[in-house]
Structures are given as C-alpha cells and as structure tokens.
Amino acid sequence: MRSIWVRGLAACASVLFALSACAAGEGGPQTLTVMTHDSFSMSEDVLASFERAHNTEVVFLQSGDAGAALNKVILLKDSPLADLFFGVDNTFLSRALEAGIFEQYQPAELPLIPEEFRLDATNRLFPVDYGDVCINYDRQYFAEHNLPVPDSLEDLTRPAYDGLLVVENPATSSTGLAFLLATRAHFGHDYLQFWAGLKDNRVTVVDGWETAYYANFSGSSGRGDQPMVVSYASSPAAEVIFADPPRDDAPTASITADDTCFRQVEFVGILKGARQRGLAEEMVSFMLDVQFQEDVPLQMFVFPVRPEAVLPEAFVEHAARPLQPAAIDPAEIAANRDRWISEWTQLMFG
C-alpha cells in the first residue's frame, strides 16, 4: 500500500472524503489519519509493515511546526481531521493536556519506556523520541584560533567569544525557545542578566534554525561568520551521514556540559472523536515498538525512548547525549512561556 502525505489543511477535507469513499468499498483498506508537524518522517518499508498488518492506508497531515500544528488541533477539536496527533513536546505538554483533546489509553509498551520520559501521568500522551538542543561548534575554527571551547553558559559572555554565537529567536523557533528555557533553568530569575551579557557580546539572532545553521554557522557550509550555533546534539551525526564527499569525522561537535542543553521529548496521542479508535491504538503501540523506534534516528535525527533500540553507528560515534540537561516542569513552562518570550524580546529588541 502507498501512504499519502498531505501538506496544509486546505486540501485535507477533499482528500479525506475521497479516501473514506474508497475505504468504504468491500474489502478495501481502512484509513487512519495522523496529524504531525512538518519534520515528521517514517521509512516507507516500516510504514508499509503497519499498513499490511492492519489492512490500513495511513494519511499524514503535516501542519506546520509543533506549535502551529497543536494550535490547529485545538481549534478543530470539535471536528477533528485526524485520529492521532504526533508532535507535542514538553514545551507544550501542559497546554495540550489542558485543552482536553486526547483520549486515555494504556499501551502495553509504556512500562518499557524509562520514567524520565513519561511526563503525562494521565496516560493521554506517550513519549516517542527525544533530542537535546545544545550549542554546536565548528571544530576547525576553534583549533585554528587556539581557542578553548566554552564549557558553561557563563563562558559565552566572555570577551574571547565576542560575536561568535548565533541563536534562534524563541518567538519564532522551537530551537530558540528550547535554548531560552535552558538559560531560564540554569540562571533562574537572573536569566535576563545572562542574555544582556550575550547582547553586549554581540550575539546574532535569526528567525529560524535553517538560517542559523546553513547561513550563519561556519561549521556546516563553511561560509558563515559564527563558529557556534544553537542546534541539536545529533547535528554532528547528520554532518557525517549526509557528507558529500563522504567523511568519517564530524566537522562539528556539541557542548554538553551540565545545564547547557535542553531536552525536548516528543509525544503521540489519540484525539477525542477519532473515527478509527482501534487503529489509533495500534499506531500508538507501533510507534513505541522497537521497529519504529529504530527507524527514528535516521528519519528525524532524534533519539528513541526505548533503551533497547539499536542506534545507527553514526549516532553512536558522533551524537552526544548530555548527562545533565537543563529541565523545567512542563506546567511551569505553560504558565510562564509567553511572559519569558516577551521579556526576552523586550531586552533584545526593545
């Protein structure tokens, strides 16, 4: 069976109507609809194994970044377009649960996932993957300039690193928001003093990750002016996997000292009003099973939550995992996220 990927909600209604009509035919496959953010990906062969096992055709509705996709789900909660939603992370977890849009479920695989990822005690959202937002650096730049790599957030305000860091705007980038949360977790109420120090140290702020990484950062394209960028601890592995010509060593690395990274955990949940509740439960269990978990790293460049999932060699060698990432309770994030972003914006651009 061939899965269908749909971008944007404008085409959703007609596509779903047509698929429903097709599925109604005798012996035809059922249709399961999954709404996701735009970065979701799954191998064709892995998805095909689910479709064959359940006589199902899966429709993916890619609906913007994580925040935008969640907004759409909440706005459409009385007439849901999908059976499941994938892409809620811990920065939006409390908001998603308070919206009352997810059904309770108890997948058999849930006890196999470490408690550190099981952030919803009500069993409505289930952890699938995680990734650490960290500062990445250009190894060649630091070697050529005989400059030590910063090993704390405080180091970034030192004159030696003047003008060397590019970050994403937390009002427009989930990566930027994660780094803002890392600074808030580390510095507490004094986090704005740290950002004032970065501003004095000529930090560069751009709207999104792609601009920061591919235009400003010197470690990937070699053309940027900043040898440090807020990215992911898995980015060095991606540099090796996608290198052309091939290479065995990563030109970049991540700073993973205590409290310098923020761990994002992504969840999947069954939407209230799901037309295919039984199939939705099967898909949740499928995403928590080892086959899908081992597909996650090379599809979305994040880590699986199942500890027994085997990682690709490039991840083992080049993707670091911080021992003590910064952390803030999801309820505290929900209560203060907008205020923290507003305070940051006033400081940096006011």
Protein backbone atom coordinates (compact mmCIF):
# COMPACT_ATOMS: atom_id res chain seq x y z
CA MET A 1 0.00 0.00 0.00
CA ARG A 2 1.18 3.55 -0.65
CA SER A 3 0.83 6.03 2.20
CA ILE A 4 -0.39 9.54 1.45
CA TRP A 5 1.32 12.67 2.79
CA VAL A 6 -0.71 15.89 2.70
CA ARG A 7 0.69 19.36 3.42
CA GLY A 8 -1.67 22.03 4.74
CA LEU A 9 -5.25 21.83 5.88
CA ALA A 10 -6.82 23.35 2.77
CA ALA A 11 -6.65 20.06 0.88
CA CYS A 12 -7.47 17.87 3.85
CA ALA A 13 -11.24 17.70 3.61
CA SER A 14 -11.35 16.66 -0.05
CA VAL A 15 -8.57 14.11 0.38
CA LEU A 16 -10.17 12.56 3.44
CA PHE A 17 -13.57 12.43 1.76
CA ALA A 18 -12.12 10.63 -1.24
CA LEU A 19 -10.20 8.19 0.90
CA SER A 20 -13.24 7.47 3.04
CA ALA A 21 -15.25 6.71 -0.06
CA CYS A 22 -12.54 4.36 -1.32
CA ALA A 23 -12.21 2.66 2.03
CA ALA A 24 -15.92 2.02 2.16
CA GLY A 25 -15.64 -0.42 -0.69
CA GLU A 26 -15.89 -4.10 0.15
CA GLY A 27 -12.52 -5.49 1.22
CA GLY A 28 -10.79 -2.12 0.84
CA PRO A 29 -8.29 -0.85 3.38
CA GLN A 30 -9.37 1.30 6.27
CA THR A 31 -7.96 4.82 6.53
CA LEU A 32 -6.03 6.06 9.55
CA THR A 33 -5.24 9.78 9.67
CA VAL A 34 -2.27 11.14 11.60
CA MET A 35 -1.66 14.87 12.03
CA THR A 36 2.01 15.79 12.54
CA HIS A 37 4.42 18.68 12.44
CA ASP A 38 6.37 19.17 9.23
CA SER A 39 9.51 17.42 10.50
CA PHE A 40 7.85 14.03 10.99
CA SER A 41 9.18 11.22 8.82
CA MET A 42 8.96 7.44 8.70
CA SER A 43 10.64 4.95 6.38
CA GLU A 44 8.38 3.61 3.65
CA ASP A 45 9.16 -0.01 4.49
CA VAL A 46 8.47 0.49 8.20
CA LEU A 47 5.14 2.17 7.48
CA ALA A 48 4.25 -0.47 4.91
CA SER A 49 4.63 -3.18 7.56
CA PHE A 50 2.00 -1.43 9.70
CA GLU A 51 -0.35 -0.95 6.75
CA ARG A 52 -0.11 -4.60 5.69
CA ALA A 53 -0.62 -5.90 9.22
CA HIS A 54 -3.80 -3.85 9.70
CA ASN A 55 -5.17 -3.62 6.13
CA THR A 56 -4.84 0.14 6.50
CA GLU A 57 -3.84 3.14 4.46
CA VAL A 58 -2.26 5.89 6.54
CA VAL A 59 -2.77 9.55 5.69
CA PHE A 60 -0.33 12.08 7.21
CA LEU A 61 -1.44 15.69 7.55
CA GLN A 62 1.68 17.83 8.01
CA SER A 63 0.53 21.04 9.63
CA GLY A 64 3.44 23.39 10.30
CA ASP A 65 5.84 23.45 13.23
CA ALA A 66 4.95 21.85 16.56
CA GLY A 67 3.27 24.93 18.00
CA ALA A 68 1.27 25.72 14.86
CA ALA A 69 0.16 22.10 14.46
CA LEU A 70 -1.04 21.95 18.06
CA ASN A 71 -2.95 25.19 17.59
CA LYS A 72 -4.78 23.66 14.62
CA VAL A 73 -5.67 20.53 16.56
CA ILE A 74 -7.10 22.61 19.41
CA LEU A 75 -9.07 24.87 17.07
CA LEU A 76 -10.56 21.83 15.30
CA LYS A 77 -11.18 19.75 18.43
CA ASP A 78 -14.96 19.66 17.88
CA SER A 79 -14.49 18.35 14.32
CA PRO A 80 -11.10 16.60 14.31
CA LEU A 81 -9.50 15.91 10.95
CA ALA A 82 -7.26 13.17 12.33
CA ASP A 83 -7.28 10.14 14.60
CA LEU A 84 -3.91 10.85 16.21
CA PHE A 85 -1.58 13.76 16.70
CA PHE A 86 2.20 13.38 16.77
CA GLY A 87 4.46 16.25 17.75
CA VAL A 88 3.51 17.65 21.14
CA ASP A 89 6.74 18.23 23.03
CA ASN A 90 7.39 19.02 26.67
CA THR A 91 7.36 22.77 26.00
CA PHE A 92 3.67 22.48 25.04
CA LEU A 93 2.71 19.40 27.07
CA SER A 94 0.61 21.09 29.76
CA ARG A 95 -1.19 23.23 27.22
CA ALA A 96 -2.08 20.16 25.16
CA LEU A 97 -3.41 18.28 28.18
CA GLU A 98 -5.40 21.27 29.47
CA ALA A 99 -7.11 21.57 26.09
CA GLY A 100 -8.75 18.18 26.71
CA ILE A 101 -8.21 16.92 23.16
CA PHE A 102 -6.67 13.49 23.87
CA GLU A 103 -8.13 10.15 24.93
CA GLN A 104 -6.72 7.94 27.67
CA TYR A 105 -5.02 4.70 26.66
CA GLN A 106 -2.69 2.17 28.27
CA PRO A 107 -0.30 0.78 25.63
CA ALA A 108 1.39 -2.46 26.65
CA GLU A 109 4.78 -0.98 25.70
CA LEU A 110 4.54 2.01 28.06
CA PRO A 111 6.18 0.31 31.09
CA LEU A 112 9.21 -0.42 28.89
CA ILE A 113 9.92 3.31 28.49
CA PRO A 114 12.06 4.97 31.18
CA GLU A 115 10.11 7.09 33.66
CA GLU A 116 12.15 10.20 32.81
CA PHE A 117 10.24 10.40 29.51
CA ARG A 118 6.78 9.51 30.84
CA LEU A 119 5.71 13.03 31.75
CA ASP A 120 1.93 12.53 31.48
CA ALA A 121 0.61 10.60 34.48
CA THR A 122 -2.91 10.64 32.95
CA ASN A 123 -1.85 8.34 30.06
CA ARG A 124 -3.08 10.57 27.28
CA LEU A 125 0.27 11.46 25.68
CA PHE A 126 3.00 8.88 25.13
CA PRO A 127 6.72 9.62 24.63
CA VAL A 128 8.18 8.55 21.29
CA ASP A 129 11.55 10.29 20.91
CA TYR A 130 13.81 12.91 22.42
CA GLY A 131 16.52 15.29 21.32
CA ASP A 132 18.85 17.70 23.08
CA VAL A 133 19.09 21.30 21.93
CA CYS A 134 22.72 22.30 22.52
CA ILE A 135 25.32 24.71 21.24
CA ASN A 136 27.22 23.21 18.31
CA TYR A 137 30.65 24.49 17.35
CA ASP A 138 32.99 24.47 14.37
CA ARG A 139 35.90 22.26 15.43
CA GLN A 140 38.28 23.66 12.80
CA TYR A 141 37.68 27.28 13.85
CA PHE A 142 38.48 26.64 17.49
CA ALA A 143 41.57 24.60 16.60
CA GLU A 144 42.92 27.19 14.15
CA HIS A 145 42.37 30.05 16.62
CA ASN A 146 43.77 28.09 19.57
CA LEU A 147 40.57 28.99 21.43
CA PRO A 148 39.16 26.76 24.17
CA VAL A 149 35.61 25.56 23.64
CA PRO A 150 33.20 27.09 26.19
CA ASP A 151 32.19 24.60 28.87
CA SER A 152 29.40 26.60 30.51
CA LEU A 153 26.73 29.14 29.62
CA GLU A 154 28.63 31.73 31.64
CA ASP A 155 31.63 31.33 29.34
CA LEU A 156 29.61 32.59 26.39
CA THR A 157 29.61 36.15 27.76
CA ARG A 158 33.42 36.30 27.94
CA PRO A 159 35.19 38.72 25.55
CA ALA A 160 37.01 35.80 23.90
CA TYR A 161 33.69 34.72 22.34
CA ASP A 162 32.55 38.17 21.20
CA GLY A 163 30.45 37.84 18.03
CA LEU A 164 30.94 34.08 17.75
CA LEU A 165 27.44 32.79 18.58
CA VAL A 166 24.21 32.72 16.55
CA VAL A 167 20.90 31.81 18.22
CA GLU A 168 17.31 31.49 17.05
CA ASN A 169 14.51 33.80 18.14
CA PRO A 170 12.39 31.91 20.74
CA ALA A 171 9.27 33.69 19.50
CA THR A 172 9.65 32.12 16.04
CA SER A 173 11.74 28.97 16.57
CA SER A 174 11.24 25.91 18.76
CA THR A 175 15.02 25.52 18.86
CA GLY A 176 15.37 29.08 20.08
CA LEU A 177 12.67 28.51 22.69
CA ALA A 178 14.45 25.40 23.96
CA PHE A 179 17.69 27.34 24.42
CA LEU A 180 15.83 30.15 26.18
CA LEU A 181 14.39 27.54 28.55
CA ALA A 182 17.86 26.14 29.18
CA THR A 183 19.04 29.60 30.26
CA ARG A 184 15.98 30.08 32.43
CA ALA A 185 16.53 26.69 34.09
CA HIS A 186 20.19 27.43 34.76
CA PHE A 187 20.04 31.09 35.84
CA GLY A 188 16.53 31.23 37.31
CA HIS A 189 15.26 34.80 37.79
CA ASP A 190 18.65 36.14 36.65
CA TYR A 191 18.37 34.68 33.15
CA LEU A 192 17.87 38.12 31.58
CA GLN A 193 21.21 39.26 33.01
CA PHE A 194 22.84 36.44 31.10
CA TRP A 195 21.07 37.48 27.90
CA ALA A 196 22.13 41.09 28.46
CA GLY A 197 25.70 39.78 28.61
CA LEU A 198 25.20 37.90 25.34
CA LYS A 199 23.78 41.04 23.75
CA ASP A 200 26.82 43.02 24.88
CA ASN A 201 28.94 40.21 23.43
CA ARG A 202 27.29 40.74 20.02
CA VAL A 203 25.23 37.56 19.82
CA THR A 204 23.46 37.20 16.45
CA VAL A 205 19.71 36.44 16.50
CA VAL A 206 17.91 34.99 13.46
CA ASP A 207 14.34 33.78 12.99
CA GLY A 208 14.85 30.06 12.44
CA TRP A 209 17.16 27.07 12.65
CA GLU A 210 17.79 26.71 8.91
CA THR A 211 19.06 30.28 8.61
CA ALA A 212 21.19 29.94 11.74
CA TYR A 213 22.72 26.61 10.73
CA TYR A 214 23.14 26.94 6.99
CA ALA A 215 23.72 30.70 6.55
CA ASN A 216 25.36 31.93 9.77
CA PHE A 217 27.18 28.89 11.15
CA SER A 218 30.66 28.29 9.76
CA GLY A 219 30.78 24.61 10.72
CA SER A 220 28.30 23.33 8.13
CA SER A 221 28.54 25.45 4.99
CA GLY A 222 31.89 26.98 5.86
CA ARG A 223 30.53 30.35 4.71
CA GLY A 224 29.01 31.71 7.92
CA ASP A 225 30.60 34.15 10.33
CA GLN A 226 29.69 32.42 13.62
CA PRO A 227 31.51 29.25 14.71
CA MET A 228 28.84 28.49 17.36
CA VAL A 229 25.13 27.87 16.78
CA VAL A 230 22.15 26.64 18.78
CA SER A 231 21.28 23.31 17.17
CA TYR A 232 20.96 19.66 18.22
CA ALA A 233 23.33 17.17 19.77
CA SER A 234 22.56 14.92 16.79
CA SER A 235 23.67 17.54 14.24
CA PRO A 236 27.29 16.28 14.12
CA ALA A 237 25.99 12.81 13.20
CA ALA A 238 23.95 14.35 10.38
CA GLU A 239 27.09 16.10 9.11
CA VAL A 240 28.72 12.68 8.67
CA ILE A 241 25.68 10.86 7.28
CA PHE A 242 24.96 13.49 4.60
CA ALA A 243 28.57 14.42 3.84
CA ASP A 244 29.39 14.76 0.14
CA PRO A 245 32.05 13.60 -0.43
CA PRO A 246 31.79 11.01 2.36
CA ARG A 247 33.75 11.52 5.55
CA ASP A 248 34.33 9.59 8.77
CA ASP A 249 34.78 12.51 11.15
CA ALA A 250 32.29 15.25 12.04
CA PRO A 251 33.38 18.86 11.37
CA THR A 252 31.22 19.94 14.28
CA ALA A 253 30.61 18.89 17.88
CA SER A 254 28.21 19.78 20.69
CA ILE A 255 28.77 21.46 24.02
CA THR A 256 27.09 19.15 26.51
CA ALA A 257 28.27 20.44 29.89
CA ASP A 258 25.70 20.40 32.69
CA ASP A 259 22.71 22.72 32.13
CA THR A 260 23.88 23.89 28.70
CA CYS A 261 21.34 21.80 26.73
CA PHE A 262 17.56 21.47 26.90
CA ARG A 263 15.96 18.08 26.30
CA GLN A 264 12.87 18.04 24.07
CA VAL A 265 10.63 14.98 24.36
CA GLU A 266 8.00 14.36 21.65
CA PHE A 267 4.69 12.62 22.26
CA VAL A 268 1.85 10.99 20.35
CA GLY A 269 -1.77 10.86 21.45
CA ILE A 270 -5.20 9.64 20.30
CA LEU A 271 -7.55 12.53 19.54
CA LYS A 272 -11.03 12.67 21.00
CA GLY A 273 -13.56 11.97 18.30
CA ALA A 274 -11.16 9.65 16.45
CA ARG A 275 -13.08 7.72 13.79
CA GLN A 276 -10.60 4.84 13.95
CA ARG A 277 -10.01 4.43 17.69
CA GLY A 278 -8.86 0.83 17.42
CA LEU A 279 -6.38 1.57 14.63
CA ALA A 280 -5.19 4.64 16.52
CA GLU A 281 -4.34 2.45 19.50
CA GLU A 282 -2.44 0.10 17.19
CA MET A 283 -0.44 3.01 15.76
CA VAL A 284 0.50 4.26 19.24
CA SER A 285 1.77 0.80 20.15
CA PHE A 286 3.59 0.60 16.80
CA MET A 287 5.40 3.90 17.46
CA LEU A 288 6.51 2.61 20.86
CA ASP A 289 7.69 -0.74 19.49
CA VAL A 290 11.31 -1.41 18.61
CA GLN A 291 10.87 -1.47 14.81
CA PHE A 292 9.64 2.11 14.67
CA GLN A 293 11.97 3.21 17.47
CA GLU A 294 15.00 2.05 15.49
CA ASP A 295 13.71 3.94 12.46
CA VAL A 296 13.52 7.26 14.34
CA PRO A 297 17.21 8.35 14.38
CA LEU A 298 17.84 8.44 10.63
CA GLN A 299 14.36 9.77 9.83
CA MET A 300 14.06 12.64 12.31
CA PHE A 301 17.57 12.80 13.80
CA VAL A 302 16.39 12.33 17.36
CA PHE A 303 16.84 9.51 19.85
CA PRO A 304 14.31 6.72 20.50
CA VAL A 305 12.86 6.47 24.01
CA ARG A 306 13.16 2.67 24.08
CA PRO A 307 16.61 1.99 25.56
CA GLU A 308 16.97 -1.35 23.76
CA ALA A 309 16.54 0.22 20.30
CA VAL A 310 19.80 -0.15 18.38
CA LEU A 311 21.28 3.17 17.25
CA PRO A 312 22.95 3.74 13.86
CA GLU A 313 26.74 3.72 14.04
CA ALA A 314 26.96 7.42 13.17
CA PHE A 315 24.77 8.27 16.16
CA VAL A 316 26.88 6.17 18.49
CA GLU A 317 30.09 7.85 17.30
CA HIS A 318 29.03 11.45 16.71
CA ALA A 319 25.76 12.29 18.52
CA ALA A 320 26.42 13.25 22.13
CA ARG A 321 23.91 12.92 24.97
CA PRO A 322 24.36 15.34 27.89
CA LEU A 323 24.47 13.74 31.31
CA GLN A 324 22.56 16.61 32.92
CA PRO A 325 20.39 18.58 30.50
CA ALA A 326 18.53 21.60 31.82
CA ALA A 327 14.95 20.86 32.81
CA ILE A 328 11.81 22.82 33.72
CA ASP A 329 8.48 21.27 34.74
CA PRO A 330 6.04 21.37 31.79
CA ALA A 331 3.42 23.09 33.98
CA GLU A 332 5.88 25.88 34.81
CA ILE A 333 6.68 26.27 31.11
CA ALA A 334 2.98 26.51 30.27
CA ALA A 335 2.39 29.15 32.95
CA ASN A 336 5.37 31.33 32.02
CA ARG A 337 6.39 30.62 28.42
CA ASP A 338 4.71 33.67 26.86
CA ARG A 339 5.98 36.02 29.58
CA TRP A 340 9.54 34.75 29.27
CA ILE A 341 9.47 35.22 25.50
CA SER A 342 8.04 38.73 25.93
CA GLU A 343 10.72 39.66 28.46
CA TRP A 344 13.43 38.30 26.17
CA THR A 345 12.05 40.19 23.16
CA GLN A 346 11.91 43.47 25.08
CA LEU A 347 15.50 43.06 26.22
CA MET A 348 16.94 42.02 22.87
CA PHE A 349 14.94 44.29 20.56
CA GLY A 350 13.24 46.88 22.79
